Amino acid sequence: MKPFRFTLWIAVMLSACGLIVAPAFASCAFVIEWNGVRYDPWSNEGPVAFGNSVGQATVPFCDDTPGGCEHGHDESIEVFRVAGVDPHVALAAHAGAGQNLFLADGFFPQLPDHPLHAFIYESSQRPKERARAWQCEEIRGLTGEVVGSGPWPRVRFEGDLVERDIGSTPLSVDSQTKIEGFDEFGLPRLLKGDKIQATVLECRTAGGRYTVVPDSISPAPIALSD
């Protein structure tokens, strides 16, 4: 796979049921649930190495708008280990249209210690959201709550130091982000409801683009009682 020839977690719009509808956060996205955990599709060009079967996962009920993908009840799909990866972190499945890699909610393939980082990004320096084209301002000591998990979590920060989009701020985690104190299965993991403290880079371009890149994330300090 050549440099930069990978597709991020935005899935391709497809017309047939049982396939992925774009974007992945839209209605009727082809997600699976295994052991009570959501796994989201990650588009990839390289072949995924299937390991042993770990049983059945659930494709949750979906009632999309007319013309979209619909299934009126939960369905099952066989899921497999990704070779060399803990199934609590990622699974493989034959979901059609080449979509066969699913990442567990809350983990960050952007970080170099994720077992699939090299497979997806090929370089420990990628992705690099804080590129030279951005003009970035560091903001320290932010506290807030995770209100949307996934590789690009959304956080409702206290105060008005960073911009919000529909009440929260999406974070563009990159390969240089440091996340401490939220480890599960040996990897950083942020889930909805986690309280965090963060230093972020609020970045803009001359063309008006805007992003917030977390430099460091750790548990929010516990408030002392009177």
Protein backbone atom coordinates (compact mmCIF):
# COMPACT_ATOMS: atom_id res chain seq x y z
CA MET A 1 0.00 0.00 0.00
CA LYS A 2 1.52 3.32 -1.05
CA PRO A 3 1.90 6.31 1.33
CA PHE A 4 -1.34 8.08 2.07
CA ARG A 5 -3.31 5.47 0.12
CA PHE A 6 -5.65 4.67 2.94
CA THR A 7 -9.22 5.69 3.59
CA LEU A 8 -10.23 6.99 6.98
CA TRP A 9 -13.21 5.89 8.95
CA ILE A 10 -15.63 7.66 6.58
CA ALA A 11 -17.37 4.79 4.81
CA VAL A 12 -18.37 4.74 1.15
CA MET A 13 -22.03 5.31 0.19
CA LEU A 14 -23.49 2.05 -0.98
CA SER A 15 -27.00 1.18 -2.06
CA ALA A 16 -27.31 -2.43 -1.02
CA CYS A 17 -28.35 -3.60 2.44
CA GLY A 18 -25.66 -5.26 4.49
CA LEU A 19 -23.04 -2.82 3.21
CA ILE A 20 -21.73 0.44 4.59
CA VAL A 21 -23.55 3.71 4.20
CA ALA A 22 -21.53 6.91 4.34
CA PRO A 23 -20.69 8.67 6.48
CA ALA A 24 -20.16 6.09 9.19
CA PHE A 25 -22.01 8.21 11.75
CA ALA A 26 -25.10 8.52 9.52
CA SER A 27 -28.22 6.41 9.86
CA CYS A 28 -27.87 2.73 9.04
CA ALA A 29 -24.09 2.68 9.27
CA PHE A 30 -22.90 -0.92 9.18
CA VAL A 31 -21.65 -1.30 12.74
CA ILE A 32 -21.40 -4.51 14.68
CA GLU A 33 -21.68 -5.29 18.38
CA TRP A 34 -19.66 -8.00 20.07
CA ASN A 35 -19.73 -8.70 23.81
CA GLY A 36 -21.76 -5.51 24.26
CA VAL A 37 -19.18 -3.29 22.55
CA ARG A 38 -19.69 -1.34 19.32
CA TYR A 39 -17.19 -1.88 16.50
CA ASP A 40 -17.09 0.66 13.68
CA PRO A 41 -15.95 -0.05 10.11
CA TRP A 42 -12.58 1.19 8.97
CA SER A 43 -12.07 1.33 5.22
CA ASN A 44 -8.76 -0.09 4.08
CA GLU A 45 -7.04 -0.92 0.83
CA GLY A 46 -4.70 -3.58 2.14
CA PRO A 47 -5.89 -7.14 2.88
CA VAL A 48 -6.80 -7.90 6.48
CA ALA A 49 -5.23 -11.04 7.94
CA PHE A 50 -8.10 -13.12 9.33
CA GLY A 51 -7.40 -15.26 12.37
CA ASN A 52 -9.64 -17.75 14.16
CA SER A 53 -13.38 -17.22 14.50
CA VAL A 54 -14.50 -15.74 17.82
CA GLY A 55 -18.19 -16.42 17.24
CA GLN A 56 -21.11 -14.27 16.22
CA ALA A 57 -21.55 -10.50 16.43
CA THR A 58 -24.79 -8.54 16.08
CA VAL A 59 -25.62 -6.14 13.28
CA PRO A 60 -28.14 -3.94 15.11
CA PHE A 61 -31.62 -3.19 13.82
CA CYS A 62 -31.66 -0.41 11.23
CA ASP A 63 -34.64 1.53 9.87
CA ASP A 64 -33.21 3.98 7.36
CA THR A 65 -35.00 6.45 5.12
CA PRO A 66 -36.58 5.19 1.83
CA GLY A 67 -33.96 4.15 -0.68
CA GLY A 68 -31.37 3.42 1.99
CA CYS A 69 -30.26 0.26 3.73
CA GLU A 70 -32.86 -1.34 5.97
CA HIS A 71 -33.16 -4.45 8.07
CA GLY A 72 -36.06 -4.67 10.46
CA HIS A 73 -34.40 -6.80 13.09
CA ASP A 74 -30.99 -7.56 14.55
CA GLU A 75 -28.87 -9.81 12.37
CA SER A 76 -25.82 -11.95 13.09
CA ILE A 77 -22.45 -12.06 11.40
CA GLU A 78 -19.47 -14.29 12.08
CA VAL A 79 -16.44 -12.38 13.34
CA PHE A 80 -12.78 -13.30 13.47
CA ARG A 81 -9.60 -12.23 15.15
CA VAL A 82 -7.36 -9.89 13.21
CA ALA A 83 -4.06 -11.76 13.26
CA GLY A 84 -1.90 -10.54 16.13
CA VAL A 85 -4.57 -8.18 17.55
CA ASP A 86 -6.66 -8.57 20.70
CA PRO A 87 -10.30 -9.06 19.60
CA HIS A 88 -11.31 -6.51 22.23
CA VAL A 89 -9.49 -3.94 20.06
CA ALA A 90 -10.39 -5.01 16.51
CA LEU A 91 -12.31 -7.69 14.63
CA ALA A 92 -12.49 -8.93 11.06
CA ALA A 93 -15.69 -9.87 9.25
CA HIS A 94 -16.80 -10.61 5.71
CA ALA A 95 -19.18 -7.66 5.38
CA GLY A 96 -19.05 -7.18 1.62
CA ALA A 97 -17.58 -4.50 -0.67
CA GLY A 98 -14.15 -5.09 0.82
CA GLN A 99 -15.22 -3.85 4.23
CA ASN A 100 -13.77 -6.32 6.65
CA LEU A 101 -11.98 -4.38 9.41
CA PHE A 102 -13.90 -3.20 12.48
CA LEU A 103 -12.37 -1.22 15.35
CA ALA A 104 -13.70 -1.30 18.90
CA ASP A 105 -15.18 1.93 20.19
CA GLY A 106 -12.88 4.29 22.07
CA PHE A 107 -9.45 3.24 20.81
CA PHE A 108 -7.16 5.35 18.63
CA PRO A 109 -5.49 3.80 15.57
CA GLN A 110 -3.85 7.20 15.04
CA LEU A 111 -1.50 6.48 17.97
CA PRO A 112 1.70 4.57 17.15
CA ASP A 113 1.17 2.03 19.94
CA HIS A 114 -2.12 0.82 18.43
CA PRO A 115 -1.44 -2.63 16.91
CA LEU A 116 -2.93 -1.60 13.54
CA HIS A 117 -1.24 1.79 13.29
CA ALA A 118 1.48 0.66 10.88
CA PHE A 119 -1.04 -1.26 8.77
CA ILE A 120 -3.24 1.83 8.37
CA TYR A 121 -0.75 4.72 8.32
CA GLU A 122 2.58 3.07 7.41
CA SER A 123 4.58 5.67 9.35
CA SER A 124 4.81 6.49 13.06
CA GLN A 125 4.69 10.19 12.07
CA ARG A 126 1.21 9.91 10.55
CA PRO A 127 -1.41 11.21 10.84
CA LYS A 128 -0.10 14.70 11.52
CA GLU A 129 -2.96 17.10 12.13
CA ARG A 130 -0.69 19.88 13.39
CA ALA A 131 0.86 20.44 9.95
CA ARG A 132 2.77 23.57 9.01
CA ALA A 133 -0.18 25.06 7.11
CA TRP A 134 -2.08 25.44 10.39
CA GLN A 135 -1.68 28.43 12.69
CA CYS A 136 -2.08 26.91 16.13
CA GLU A 137 -2.57 28.36 19.61
CA GLU A 138 -1.95 26.21 22.67
CA ILE A 139 -4.64 26.15 25.36
CA ARG A 140 -3.76 24.44 28.64
CA GLY A 141 -5.78 23.16 31.58
CA LEU A 142 -9.08 22.46 29.83
CA THR A 143 -11.50 20.15 31.61
CA GLY A 144 -14.52 18.50 30.11
CA GLU A 145 -16.55 15.36 29.48
CA VAL A 146 -16.41 12.98 26.53
CA VAL A 147 -19.86 13.08 24.90
CA GLY A 148 -19.01 11.13 21.74
CA SER A 149 -16.40 8.40 21.49
CA GLY A 150 -14.47 6.95 18.58
CA PRO A 151 -11.14 7.80 16.92
CA TRP A 152 -12.26 11.45 16.76
CA PRO A 153 -14.00 11.94 20.11
CA ARG A 154 -16.26 14.87 20.93
CA VAL A 155 -15.77 16.69 24.24
CA ARG A 156 -17.91 19.24 26.01
CA PHE A 157 -15.28 21.48 27.57
CA GLU A 158 -16.06 23.77 30.47
CA GLY A 159 -15.93 27.48 29.73
CA ASP A 160 -15.64 29.20 26.38
CA LEU A 161 -11.96 28.76 25.56
CA VAL A 162 -12.50 26.60 22.47
CA GLU A 163 -15.15 26.65 19.76
CA ARG A 164 -18.06 24.24 19.86
CA ASP A 165 -19.99 22.52 17.11
CA ILE A 166 -23.50 21.52 18.19
CA GLY A 167 -22.55 21.86 21.84
CA SER A 168 -19.22 20.00 21.82
CA THR A 169 -15.75 20.06 20.29
CA PRO A 170 -14.44 17.30 17.99
CA LEU A 171 -10.80 16.40 18.68
CA SER A 172 -8.43 15.58 15.83
CA VAL A 173 -6.22 13.05 17.59
CA ASP A 174 -2.94 12.56 15.74
CA SER A 175 0.21 10.50 16.11
CA GLN A 176 1.73 12.97 18.58
CA THR A 177 -1.22 13.07 20.97
CA LYS A 178 -0.42 11.73 24.45
CA ILE A 179 -3.26 10.00 26.31
CA GLU A 180 -2.56 8.81 29.86
CA GLY A 181 -4.66 7.30 32.61
CA PHE A 182 -7.36 5.73 30.46
CA ASP A 183 -5.77 2.42 29.51
CA GLU A 184 -7.75 -0.71 28.63
CA PHE A 185 -6.24 -3.86 27.16
CA GLY A 186 -2.90 -2.06 27.24
CA LEU A 187 -4.01 0.85 25.03
CA PRO A 188 -5.43 4.35 25.58
CA ARG A 189 -9.21 4.35 25.44
CA LEU A 190 -11.74 7.15 25.89
CA LEU A 191 -15.43 6.42 26.26
CA LYS A 192 -18.54 8.51 26.62
CA GLY A 193 -18.78 9.93 30.13
CA ASP A 194 -15.04 10.06 30.81
CA LYS A 195 -13.93 13.27 32.51
CA ILE A 196 -10.72 14.62 31.07
CA GLN A 197 -8.13 17.34 31.43
CA ALA A 198 -6.43 18.40 28.21
CA THR A 199 -3.93 20.64 26.55
CA VAL A 200 -5.02 21.33 23.00
CA LEU A 201 -3.86 23.17 19.92
CA GLU A 202 -6.62 25.31 18.42
CA CYS A 203 -5.61 25.51 14.78
CA ARG A 204 -6.80 27.54 11.79
CA THR A 205 -5.77 28.10 8.19
CA ALA A 206 -5.97 31.22 6.06
CA GLY A 207 -8.81 29.56 4.15
CA GLY A 208 -10.96 29.36 7.25
CA ARG A 209 -10.49 25.70 8.14
CA TYR A 210 -10.53 24.95 11.85
CA THR A 211 -9.53 22.00 14.02
CA VAL A 212 -8.67 21.24 17.62
CA VAL A 213 -5.74 18.86 18.09
CA PRO A 214 -5.27 17.40 21.57
CA ASP A 215 -1.64 17.51 22.64
CA SER A 216 -2.22 15.68 25.91
CA ILE A 217 -5.20 14.10 27.64
CA SER A 218 -5.37 12.79 31.20
CA PRO A 219 -8.07 12.21 33.84
CA ALA A 220 -9.67 15.37 35.18
CA PRO A 221 -8.60 16.18 38.73
CA ILE A 222 -11.03 15.04 41.41
CA ALA A 223 -12.78 17.98 43.03
CA LEU A 224 -12.03 18.21 46.75
CA SER A 225 -15.00 18.33 49.09
CA ASP A 226 -15.36 21.27 51.49
